[in-house]
Amino acid sequence: MDNPHEERQAVLLERIIKNVEKCNEAILEMNHCANEIAVGHMDTAIAANLFTNYSKNVRYNLEA
């Protein structure tokens, strides 16, 4: 027996597939941008760690 809704289901499935592909592309672009931001902030994180260690050393030496 033929499915009377088969054509409509095929159209909807095609739309879903296209939207999922667009969503995947958008997520890949977002991941790329997030990675660029993380790499850009790496120097700031290193500088912050250096300053924290320097501050701890100064505090220790002042107490000693």
Protein backbone atom coordinates (compact mmCIF):
# COMPACT_ATOMS: atom_id res chain seq x y z
CA MET A 1 0.00 0.00 0.00
CA ASP A 2 1.33 3.40 -0.95
CA ASN A 3 1.89 6.02 1.70
CA PRO A 4 -0.31 9.04 0.86
CA HIS A 5 2.01 11.30 2.85
CA GLU A 6 5.23 10.10 1.25
CA GLU A 7 5.78 13.16 -0.95
CA ARG A 8 5.14 15.59 1.92
CA GLN A 9 7.46 13.60 4.20
CA ALA A 10 10.20 13.62 1.56
CA VAL A 11 9.95 17.42 1.24
CA LEU A 12 10.07 17.87 5.02
CA LEU A 13 13.01 15.48 5.34
CA GLU A 14 14.89 17.41 2.65
CA ARG A 15 14.27 20.68 4.53
CA ILE A 16 15.47 19.11 7.77
CA ILE A 17 18.65 17.86 6.10
CA LYS A 18 19.38 21.31 4.62
CA ASN A 19 18.81 22.99 7.99
CA VAL A 20 21.06 20.49 9.78
CA GLU A 21 23.80 21.15 7.22
CA LYS A 22 23.48 24.90 7.79
CA CYS A 23 23.55 24.36 11.55
CA ASN A 24 26.70 22.23 11.26
CA GLU A 25 28.39 24.94 9.17
CA ALA A 26 27.45 27.59 11.74
CA ILE A 27 28.79 25.47 14.60
CA LEU A 28 32.06 24.86 12.75
CA GLU A 29 32.44 28.62 12.18
CA MET A 30 31.66 29.31 15.85
CA ASN A 31 34.26 26.74 16.95
CA HIS A 32 36.83 28.35 14.67
CA CYS A 33 36.10 31.80 16.13
CA ALA A 34 36.21 30.48 19.70
CA ASN A 35 39.57 28.84 18.97
CA GLU A 36 40.96 32.12 17.60
CA ILE A 37 39.80 33.93 20.75
CA ALA A 38 41.38 31.29 22.99
CA VAL A 39 44.69 31.52 21.14
CA GLY A 40 44.54 35.31 21.31
CA HIS A 41 44.03 35.25 25.08
CA MET A 42 46.84 32.78 25.71
CA ASP A 43 49.43 35.56 26.13
CA THR A 44 47.18 37.35 28.60
CA ALA A 45 46.78 34.19 30.66
CA ILE A 46 50.55 33.63 30.72
CA ALA A 47 51.16 37.24 31.80
CA ALA A 48 48.55 36.90 34.55
CA ASN A 49 50.22 33.72 35.85
CA LEU A 50 53.63 35.38 35.82
CA PHE A 51 52.29 38.37 37.76
CA THR A 52 50.60 36.08 40.30
CA ASN A 53 53.83 34.16 40.88
CA TYR A 54 55.78 37.42 41.12
CA SER A 55 53.32 38.75 43.70
CA LYS A 56 53.62 35.57 45.77
CA ASN A 57 57.42 35.80 45.68
CA VAL A 58 57.37 39.47 46.73
CA ARG A 59 55.00 38.72 49.59
CA TYR A 60 57.19 35.80 50.74
CA ASN A 61 60.37 37.88 50.58
CA LEU A 62 58.78 40.80 52.45
CA GLU A 63 57.67 38.46 55.24
CA ALA A 64 61.13 36.89 55.44
